[in-house]
Protein backbone atom coordinates (compact mmCIF):
# COMPACT_ATOMS: atom_id res chain seq x y z
CA UNK A 1 89.11 120.60 114.42
CA UNK A 2 90.86 117.56 112.97
CA UNK A 3 93.57 117.52 110.33
CA UNK A 4 94.45 114.68 107.97
CA UNK A 5 98.04 114.71 106.76
CA UNK A 6 98.72 112.50 103.75
CA UNK A 7 102.15 111.87 102.22
CA UNK A 8 102.08 112.31 98.46
CA UNK A 9 102.99 109.18 96.46
CA UNK A 10 104.72 108.01 99.62
CA UNK A 11 106.85 105.08 98.40
CA UNK A 12 108.00 107.06 95.37
CA UNK A 13 108.66 110.15 97.49
CA UNK A 14 110.83 108.08 99.84
CA UNK A 15 112.90 106.89 96.88
CA UNK A 16 113.20 110.41 95.44
CA UNK A 17 114.10 112.00 98.79
CA UNK A 18 117.68 110.74 98.47
CA UNK A 19 117.86 111.07 94.68
CA UNK A 20 117.56 114.75 93.76
CA UNK A 21 118.42 113.78 90.19
CA UNK A 22 114.96 112.17 89.97
CA UNK A 23 113.05 115.42 90.42
CA UNK A 24 110.07 115.46 88.01
CA UNK A 25 111.03 111.94 86.84
CA UNK A 26 108.31 109.25 86.55
CA UNK A 27 108.87 106.64 89.28
CA UNK A 28 107.21 103.31 90.07
CA UNK A 29 107.68 100.85 92.95
CA UNK A 30 107.23 97.12 92.47
CA UNK A 31 105.64 94.43 94.64
CA UNK A 32 107.33 91.45 96.26
CA UNK A 33 109.44 89.56 93.73
CA UNK A 34 109.13 92.53 91.37
CA UNK A 35 105.90 91.23 89.81
CA UNK A 36 103.45 94.16 89.95
CA UNK A 37 103.33 97.94 90.11
CA UNK A 38 102.16 98.87 93.62
CA UNK A 39 103.01 102.58 93.75
CA UNK A 40 103.64 105.35 91.25
CA UNK A 41 104.00 109.12 91.31
CA UNK A 42 102.02 111.71 89.37
CA UNK A 43 104.47 111.76 86.47
CA UNK A 44 104.13 107.98 86.04
CA UNK A 45 100.33 108.16 86.27
CA UNK A 46 100.27 110.76 83.52
CA UNK A 47 101.96 108.24 81.22
CA UNK A 48 99.01 105.86 81.63
CA UNK A 49 100.67 103.48 84.10
CA UNK A 50 98.38 102.06 86.78
CA UNK A 51 98.67 100.26 90.10
CA UNK A 52 98.20 96.49 89.80
CA UNK A 53 99.64 96.19 86.28
CA UNK A 54 102.29 93.51 85.70
CA UNK A 55 105.79 94.95 85.49
CA UNK A 56 106.58 92.99 82.31
CA UNK A 57 103.40 94.22 80.63
CA UNK A 58 104.29 97.83 81.44
CA UNK A 59 107.89 97.61 80.14
CA UNK A 60 107.13 99.17 76.72
CA UNK A 61 105.82 102.37 78.38
CA UNK A 62 108.59 102.25 80.99
CA UNK A 63 111.40 101.96 78.47
CA UNK A 64 109.93 104.47 76.04
CA UNK A 65 109.54 107.16 78.74
CA UNK A 66 112.63 106.43 80.86
CA UNK A 67 110.53 105.54 83.90
CA UNK A 68 112.69 104.77 86.96
CA UNK A 69 111.63 101.67 88.89
CA UNK A 70 112.49 100.29 92.33
CA UNK A 71 111.89 97.10 94.26
CA UNK A 72 109.87 97.74 97.42
CA UNK A 73 112.16 98.85 100.26
CA UNK A 74 109.91 98.50 103.30
CA UNK A 75 112.73 99.16 105.76
CA UNK A 76 113.26 102.60 104.24
CA UNK A 77 109.54 103.38 104.00
CA UNK A 78 108.84 102.37 107.61
CA UNK A 79 111.68 104.47 108.97
CA UNK A 80 110.70 107.58 107.02
CA UNK A 81 107.07 107.05 108.08
CA UNK A 82 108.23 107.04 111.71
CA UNK A 83 110.12 110.30 111.10
CA UNK A 84 107.02 111.91 109.59
CA UNK A 85 104.88 110.84 112.57
CA UNK A 86 107.45 112.11 115.07
CA UNK A 87 107.53 115.46 113.28
CA UNK A 88 103.74 115.64 113.51
CA UNK A 89 103.89 114.95 117.25
CA UNK A 90 105.96 118.12 117.59
CA UNK A 91 103.28 120.04 115.72
CA UNK A 92 100.10 118.72 117.38
CA UNK A 93 99.09 117.61 120.89
CA UNK A 94 97.45 114.47 119.49
CA UNK A 95 98.42 112.28 116.53
CA UNK A 96 96.68 109.13 115.31
CA UNK A 97 98.83 107.20 112.86
CA UNK A 98 96.17 105.92 110.44
CA UNK A 99 98.46 104.18 107.96
CA UNK A 100 102.11 104.22 106.90
CA UNK A 101 101.53 107.49 105.02
CA UNK A 102 98.51 109.09 106.73
CA UNK A 103 97.79 110.54 110.15
CA UNK A 104 94.94 112.38 111.85
CA UNK A 105 96.04 115.23 114.10
CA UNK A 106 94.26 117.24 116.78
CA UNK A 107 94.02 120.94 115.87
CA UNK A 108 91.48 121.94 118.51
CA UNK A 109 92.03 125.53 119.62
CA UNK A 110 94.37 126.40 116.75
CA UNK A 111 93.70 129.62 114.86
CA UNK A 112 94.51 130.57 111.26
CA UNK A 113 94.21 126.91 110.26
CA UNK A 114 95.12 127.44 106.62
CA UNK A 115 98.37 129.13 107.65
CA UNK A 116 99.16 126.44 110.21
CA UNK A 117 98.37 123.70 107.69
CA UNK A 118 100.97 125.22 105.38
CA UNK A 119 103.40 125.31 108.32
CA UNK A 120 102.83 121.58 108.82
CA UNK A 121 103.54 120.86 105.14
CA UNK A 122 106.65 123.04 105.11
CA UNK A 123 108.04 121.53 108.33
CA UNK A 124 107.57 117.93 107.20
CA UNK A 125 109.19 118.68 103.85
CA UNK A 126 112.14 120.31 105.59
CA UNK A 127 112.60 117.54 108.18
CA UNK A 128 111.91 114.47 106.03
CA UNK A 129 111.91 115.66 102.37
CA UNK A 130 108.42 114.17 101.95
CA UNK A 131 105.70 116.33 100.30
CA UNK A 132 102.25 116.20 101.92
CA UNK A 133 98.68 117.38 101.52
CA UNK A 134 96.60 118.52 104.49
CA UNK A 135 92.83 118.53 104.96
CA UNK A 136 91.27 120.19 108.02
CA UNK A 137 87.64 119.88 109.14
CA UNK A 138 85.44 119.18 112.20
CA UNK A 139 85.36 115.37 111.74
CA UNK A 140 87.58 112.62 110.37
CA UNK A 141 85.37 111.95 107.34
CA UNK A 142 85.23 115.64 106.47
CA UNK A 143 89.00 115.96 106.99
CA UNK A 144 89.47 113.15 104.45
CA UNK A 145 87.12 114.98 102.07
CA UNK A 146 89.14 118.18 102.55
CA UNK A 147 92.40 116.32 101.95
CA UNK A 148 91.11 114.95 98.62
CA UNK A 149 90.28 118.49 97.56
CA UNK A 150 93.71 119.66 98.74
CA UNK A 151 95.32 117.34 96.17
CA UNK A 152 93.58 119.29 93.41
CA UNK A 153 94.27 122.65 95.04
CA UNK A 154 97.31 124.14 96.76
CA UNK A 155 98.01 121.17 99.03
CA UNK A 156 95.99 122.56 101.94
CA UNK A 157 92.19 122.76 102.23
CA UNK A 158 90.15 123.84 105.25
CA UNK A 159 86.44 123.15 105.82
CA UNK A 160 85.43 125.36 108.72
CA UNK A 161 82.08 126.96 107.89
CA UNK A 162 78.83 125.27 106.90
CA UNK A 163 79.10 126.90 103.47
CA UNK A 164 82.57 125.46 102.89
CA UNK A 165 81.42 122.00 104.00
CA UNK A 166 78.35 122.11 101.74
CA UNK A 167 80.44 123.13 98.73
CA UNK A 168 82.97 120.34 99.42
CA UNK A 169 80.27 117.67 99.69
CA UNK A 170 78.74 118.83 96.42
CA UNK A 171 82.12 118.36 94.72
CA UNK A 172 82.65 114.87 96.14
CA UNK A 173 81.32 111.89 94.11
CA UNK A 174 80.02 109.00 96.21
CA UNK A 175 82.84 106.73 95.02
CA UNK A 176 85.33 109.19 96.55
CA UNK A 177 83.69 109.24 99.99
CA UNK A 178 86.09 107.83 102.56
CA UNK A 179 84.84 104.41 103.71
CA UNK A 180 82.47 103.69 100.83
CA UNK A 181 83.73 100.80 98.74
CA UNK A 182 83.03 100.01 95.12
CA UNK A 183 80.01 97.78 95.83
CA UNK A 184 78.22 100.42 97.95
CA UNK A 185 79.15 103.17 95.49
CA UNK A 186 77.60 101.23 92.61
CA UNK A 187 74.50 100.57 94.69
CA UNK A 188 74.13 104.24 95.60
CA UNK A 189 74.66 105.40 92.03
CA UNK A 190 72.08 102.92 90.80
CA UNK A 191 69.64 104.56 93.23
CA UNK A 192 70.45 108.00 91.81
CA UNK A 193 72.79 109.07 94.63
CA UNK A 194 75.73 110.71 92.86
CA UNK A 195 77.37 113.03 95.39
CA UNK A 196 78.12 113.24 99.10
CA UNK A 197 75.46 115.96 99.36
CA UNK A 198 72.80 113.53 98.16
CA UNK A 199 74.19 110.79 100.43
CA UNK A 200 73.72 112.80 103.63
CA UNK A 201 70.08 113.50 102.68
CA UNK A 202 69.16 109.79 102.85
CA UNK A 203 67.17 109.02 106.04
CA UNK A 204 69.52 107.64 108.66
CA UNK A 205 67.48 104.50 109.30
CA UNK A 206 67.75 103.52 105.64
CA UNK A 207 71.53 104.01 105.64
CA UNK A 208 71.81 101.93 108.81
CA UNK A 209 69.68 99.16 107.31
CA UNK A 210 71.46 99.03 103.95
CA UNK A 211 75.02 99.94 105.01
CA UNK A 212 75.07 98.82 108.67
CA UNK A 213 76.08 101.09 111.53
CA UNK A 214 79.40 101.82 109.79
CA UNK A 215 77.60 103.64 106.97
CA UNK A 216 75.34 105.40 109.46
CA UNK A 217 78.33 106.72 111.44
CA UNK A 218 79.99 107.83 108.22
CA UNK A 219 76.89 109.77 107.22
CA UNK A 220 76.79 111.55 110.59
CA UNK A 221 80.48 112.42 110.28
CA UNK A 222 79.81 113.99 106.88
CA UNK A 223 77.08 116.04 108.54
CA UNK A 224 79.73 117.40 110.92
CA UNK A 225 78.88 115.20 113.92
CA UNK A 226 82.07 113.58 115.33
CA UNK A 227 81.60 109.82 115.83
CA UNK A 228 85.15 108.75 116.67
CA UNK A 229 87.87 110.28 118.83
CA UNK A 230 91.51 110.25 117.81
CA UNK A 231 93.38 107.12 118.89
CA UNK A 232 96.49 108.76 120.24
CA UNK A 233 98.06 105.45 121.26
CA UNK A 234 97.81 102.78 118.58
CA UNK A 235 96.11 99.55 119.62
CA UNK A 236 98.46 96.54 119.65
CA UNK A 237 98.04 94.22 116.70
CA UNK A 238 95.88 91.22 117.50
CA UNK A 239 97.83 89.10 115.06
CA UNK A 240 101.18 89.41 113.31
CA UNK A 241 101.92 87.72 109.98
CA UNK A 242 105.26 87.36 108.25
CA UNK A 243 105.54 85.76 104.82
CA UNK A 244 107.23 86.09 101.46
CA UNK A 245 107.02 84.18 98.24
CA UNK A 246 110.21 82.32 97.38
CA UNK A 247 112.31 83.40 94.42
CA UNK A 248 111.86 79.86 93.03
CA UNK A 249 110.18 76.68 94.38
CA UNK A 250 111.95 75.12 97.38
CA UNK A 251 112.10 71.42 98.21
CA UNK A 252 114.83 71.02 100.85
CA UNK A 253 113.67 71.03 104.48
CA UNK A 254 116.88 72.79 105.61
CA UNK A 255 116.09 75.78 103.38
CA UNK A 256 112.51 75.90 104.65
CA UNK A 257 113.92 75.91 108.20
CA UNK A 258 116.04 78.94 107.31
CA UNK A 259 113.09 80.73 105.74
CA UNK A 260 110.64 80.19 108.60
CA UNK A 261 113.31 81.22 111.11
CA UNK A 262 113.96 84.43 109.21
CA UNK A 263 110.24 85.21 108.95
CA UNK A 264 109.87 84.49 112.67
CA UNK A 265 112.61 87.05 113.30
CA UNK A 266 110.69 89.69 111.34
CA UNK A 267 107.45 88.86 113.18
CA UNK A 268 109.07 88.98 116.62
CA UNK A 269 110.65 92.33 115.79
CA UNK A 270 107.12 93.74 115.30
CA UNK A 271 105.94 91.94 118.45
CA UNK A 272 108.68 93.43 120.60
CA UNK A 273 108.23 96.88 119.06
CA UNK A 274 104.72 97.01 120.53
CA UNK A 275 105.94 95.47 123.83
CA UNK A 276 103.78 92.36 123.63
CA UNK A 277 104.03 88.59 123.94
CA UNK A 278 102.42 85.79 121.94
CA UNK A 279 101.01 82.47 123.15
CA UNK A 280 100.03 80.91 119.81
CA UNK A 281 102.14 80.16 116.74
CA UNK A 282 100.73 79.01 113.40
CA UNK A 283 102.78 77.99 110.37
CA UNK A 284 101.50 77.44 106.84
CA UNK A 285 103.28 75.76 103.95
CA UNK A 286 102.04 76.18 100.39
CA UNK A 287 103.08 73.82 97.61
CA UNK A 288 102.76 73.93 93.84
CA UNK A 289 101.98 71.04 91.58
CA UNK A 290 99.20 69.05 89.94
CA UNK A 291 98.09 72.16 88.07
CA UNK A 292 97.37 74.19 91.18
CA UNK A 293 98.55 75.35 94.58
CA UNK A 294 97.81 73.69 97.88
CA UNK A 295 98.32 74.87 101.40
CA UNK A 296 98.46 73.24 104.82
CA UNK A 297 98.82 74.78 108.24
CA UNK A 298 99.39 73.74 111.87
CA UNK A 299 99.25 75.58 115.20
CA UNK A 300 100.69 75.22 118.67
CA UNK A 301 100.12 77.00 121.97
CA UNK A 302 103.17 78.11 123.93
CA UNK A 303 103.88 79.95 127.15
CA UNK A 304 103.47 83.73 126.58
CA UNK A 305 106.82 84.95 125.26
CA UNK A 306 108.60 87.45 123.03
CA UNK A 307 111.84 85.42 123.03
CA UNK A 308 112.85 84.72 119.44
CA UNK A 309 114.61 81.33 119.89
CA UNK A 310 111.52 79.87 121.62
CA UNK A 311 109.25 81.06 118.80
CA UNK A 312 111.64 79.75 116.14
CA UNK A 313 111.70 76.36 117.89
CA UNK A 314 107.89 76.19 117.88
CA UNK A 315 107.72 77.26 114.22
CA UNK A 316 110.27 74.66 113.12
CA UNK A 317 108.43 71.86 114.92
CA UNK A 318 105.24 72.79 113.06
CA UNK A 319 107.07 73.04 109.76
CA UNK A 320 108.45 69.53 110.19
CA UNK A 321 104.90 68.18 110.63
CA UNK A 322 103.73 69.84 107.42
CA UNK A 323 106.73 69.00 105.23
CA UNK A 324 106.74 66.34 102.54
CA UNK A 325 109.90 65.59 100.56
CA UNK A 326 107.80 64.86 97.45
CA UNK A 327 106.56 68.44 97.06
CA UNK A 328 108.01 71.76 96.01
CA UNK A 329 106.99 74.79 98.06
CA UNK A 330 106.55 78.39 96.96
CA UNK A 331 105.64 80.07 100.23
CA UNK A 332 105.80 79.61 103.98
CA UNK A 333 104.12 81.87 106.52
CA UNK A 334 104.24 82.36 110.29
CA UNK A 335 101.30 83.78 112.25
CA UNK A 336 101.55 85.00 115.85
CA UNK A 337 98.28 85.16 117.80
CA UNK A 338 97.22 85.48 121.43
CA UNK A 339 99.05 88.79 121.61
CA UNK A 340 99.00 90.62 124.94
CA UNK A 341 100.94 93.58 126.38
CA UNK A 342 103.91 92.47 128.47
CA UNK A 343 102.89 94.68 131.39
CA UNK A 344 99.32 93.36 131.57
CA UNK A 345 99.67 89.69 130.65
CA UNK A 346 98.27 86.98 132.87
CA UNK A 347 100.99 85.10 134.72
CA UNK A 348 101.32 81.33 134.30
CA UNK A 349 101.95 79.16 137.36
CA UNK A 350 104.36 76.90 135.46
CA UNK A 351 106.29 79.56 133.56
CA UNK A 352 107.94 82.47 135.32
CA UNK A 353 109.90 85.34 133.80
CA UNK A 354 113.39 84.41 132.60
CA UNK A 355 115.58 87.43 133.24
CA UNK A 356 118.45 86.14 131.10
CA UNK A 357 116.18 85.88 128.04
CA UNK A 358 114.84 89.38 128.64
CA UNK A 359 118.30 90.93 128.94
CA UNK A 360 119.57 89.07 125.86
CA UNK A 361 116.61 90.20 123.77
CA UNK A 362 117.03 93.79 124.89
CA UNK A 363 120.72 93.78 123.96
CA UNK A 364 119.99 92.31 120.53
CA UNK A 365 117.34 94.99 119.96
CA UNK A 366 119.81 97.68 121.00
CA UNK A 367 122.50 96.48 118.60
CA UNK A 368 120.11 96.04 115.68
CA UNK A 369 118.58 99.46 116.21
CA UNK A 370 122.05 101.03 115.95
CA UNK A 371 123.64 98.91 113.23
CA UNK A 372 120.62 97.81 111.21
CA UNK A 373 118.06 95.04 111.06
CA UNK A 374 119.39 91.46 111.17
CA UNK A 375 122.90 92.53 112.31
CA UNK A 376 122.63 90.10 115.24
CA UNK A 377 120.38 87.11 114.67
CA UNK A 378 120.06 83.38 115.40
CA UNK A 379 122.27 81.22 113.17
CA UNK A 380 119.24 79.41 111.82
CA UNK A 381 117.63 82.57 110.44
CA UNK A 382 120.34 83.43 107.95
CA UNK A 383 118.84 85.13 104.88
CA UNK A 384 119.99 83.69 101.53
CA UNK A 385 119.36 85.06 98.08
CA UNK A 386 118.72 81.64 96.54
CA UNK A 387 115.33 81.40 98.31
CA UNK A 388 114.81 85.02 99.36
CA UNK A 389 112.41 87.38 97.72
CA UNK A 390 113.52 88.78 94.36
CA UNK A 391 114.32 92.48 94.71
CA UNK A 392 116.65 93.18 91.81
CA UNK A 393 116.08 96.95 91.88
CA UNK A 394 116.34 97.57 95.63
CA UNK A 395 117.52 101.00 96.73
CA UNK A 396 119.90 101.48 99.68
CA UNK A 397 118.56 101.70 103.25
CA UNK A 398 119.64 105.32 103.49
CA UNK A 399 118.44 105.92 107.06
CA UNK A 400 118.93 102.59 108.85
CA UNK A 401 122.21 101.07 107.60
CA UNK A 402 125.47 102.90 108.23
CA UNK A 403 127.15 101.76 105.00
CA UNK A 404 124.16 103.10 103.03
CA UNK A 405 124.19 106.59 104.56
CA UNK A 406 124.42 109.26 101.85
CA UNK A 407 127.79 111.00 101.70
CA UNK A 408 128.00 114.70 100.91
CA UNK A 409 130.99 115.99 98.98
CA UNK A 410 132.10 119.58 98.69
C-alpha cells in the first residue's frame, strides 16, 4: 500500500505555525515582488479570493475582511518542508518527496491503515505544526484520489477493497484525476467521459493513442495496477535556475554584477546540496523598452565545479557580453547545466581536484547552515534592497535565522 501525505494550504500553514493569533484567520501569500496571490487558506478561499489574482485587485476584499497577507518566504517554507519529510522518514521505511508539500510513503505490511494514517497526521502536527491530509491506496494514482477525498472527509481516507476503490472512482470527476490536465479533461468530457469510473472503461489502446503512454499508465494505476515504484532517493536536478525580477529597472553594470553574483550563490547552494558539479553556465539578460521586453542569453562551458567564485566569474563574463549601457533591464537569470554527481563525474586531464577550494566551500556551508543563508558570501554577491525583489510583507525566518527565533515568555 502507498500513502500520499499532503500539507494543507502549505505556505499559509507555515506562516500560521508561528502565529497562533492567526488561527481561523484568512491568510494569503504573494508572489515575487508582491504582485499576485499564489497561495491561500480555506478561510481566504471562502471569501472568494483565488490564486492568480492581482494583489491590488483583491485589496477591497482583503481590507473588508481583515485578510492577513505575507510576501513569499521560501527559506521558511523549504526548511519546514524538510522537517515534514524527515518526520515522515521516521514513520515509513520509504519516502518519495513529490513536491515541497507532498510525499508518497511506503505502507506495505502495515495493518490498521486508517489508524496509522491518523497517527501520521497527529505526529506531523505535533512535530512541525503543519496540518495534513492522508490518502492510502494500492497505487500512486489511487492514493492521490484517496487524498482528494480525505480533504472532504476527516483528513484520512483509505482505499483498500475493490468496493472502496470503485466508489472513490465514481465520485471523482475526470478533471480531478491526478495527471489529467485541462485540455485532456475537456476532450474526455466532450466524448461523454465524466468520471474516473468511465475513464478506466475506455479500451487501453485508445487511451494510449489519444493520451500517449502517460495516459495509459495512469489508467492502469487507477485500475489498481502499480506502474511506478517509489523514488526513495530523489534524482539530481538536470538543470538549476536562479532568477528574480528587479524591484525597478536597472541600468548600471555594477548593479547587474551584484545581482548575477547573488543569484549564482543561490544556484550553487542548490547544486552543493545535491552534491553535484556543473560544467555549463548560461546567463540571460532581459530589457524593457520600445513597447515590449527583449531578452538575450549567452553560455560558456567550464571545468566541472561546485566552487562558487569560479561560477560567479563565468557568469560575470557572460553578463558583460550581453550588457548595453543604452538599455534598462528588469531581470537577469543564471542557468546551471551539465550537472553530475561529484562522486561519479568524469575526470578531466587538465583539471584536477583543488583541495583548498573544497575545504573552503565546506566551511562556508557549515557556517551558513548554522547562522543562516548568506552569512558568509563573496563580496560581489552582496544583496541590496534597491534592486532586490520587493517583499514588503516578509515574515521572519523563524527556523533558520537565530535573531528570528521565537521567544517564549512566562
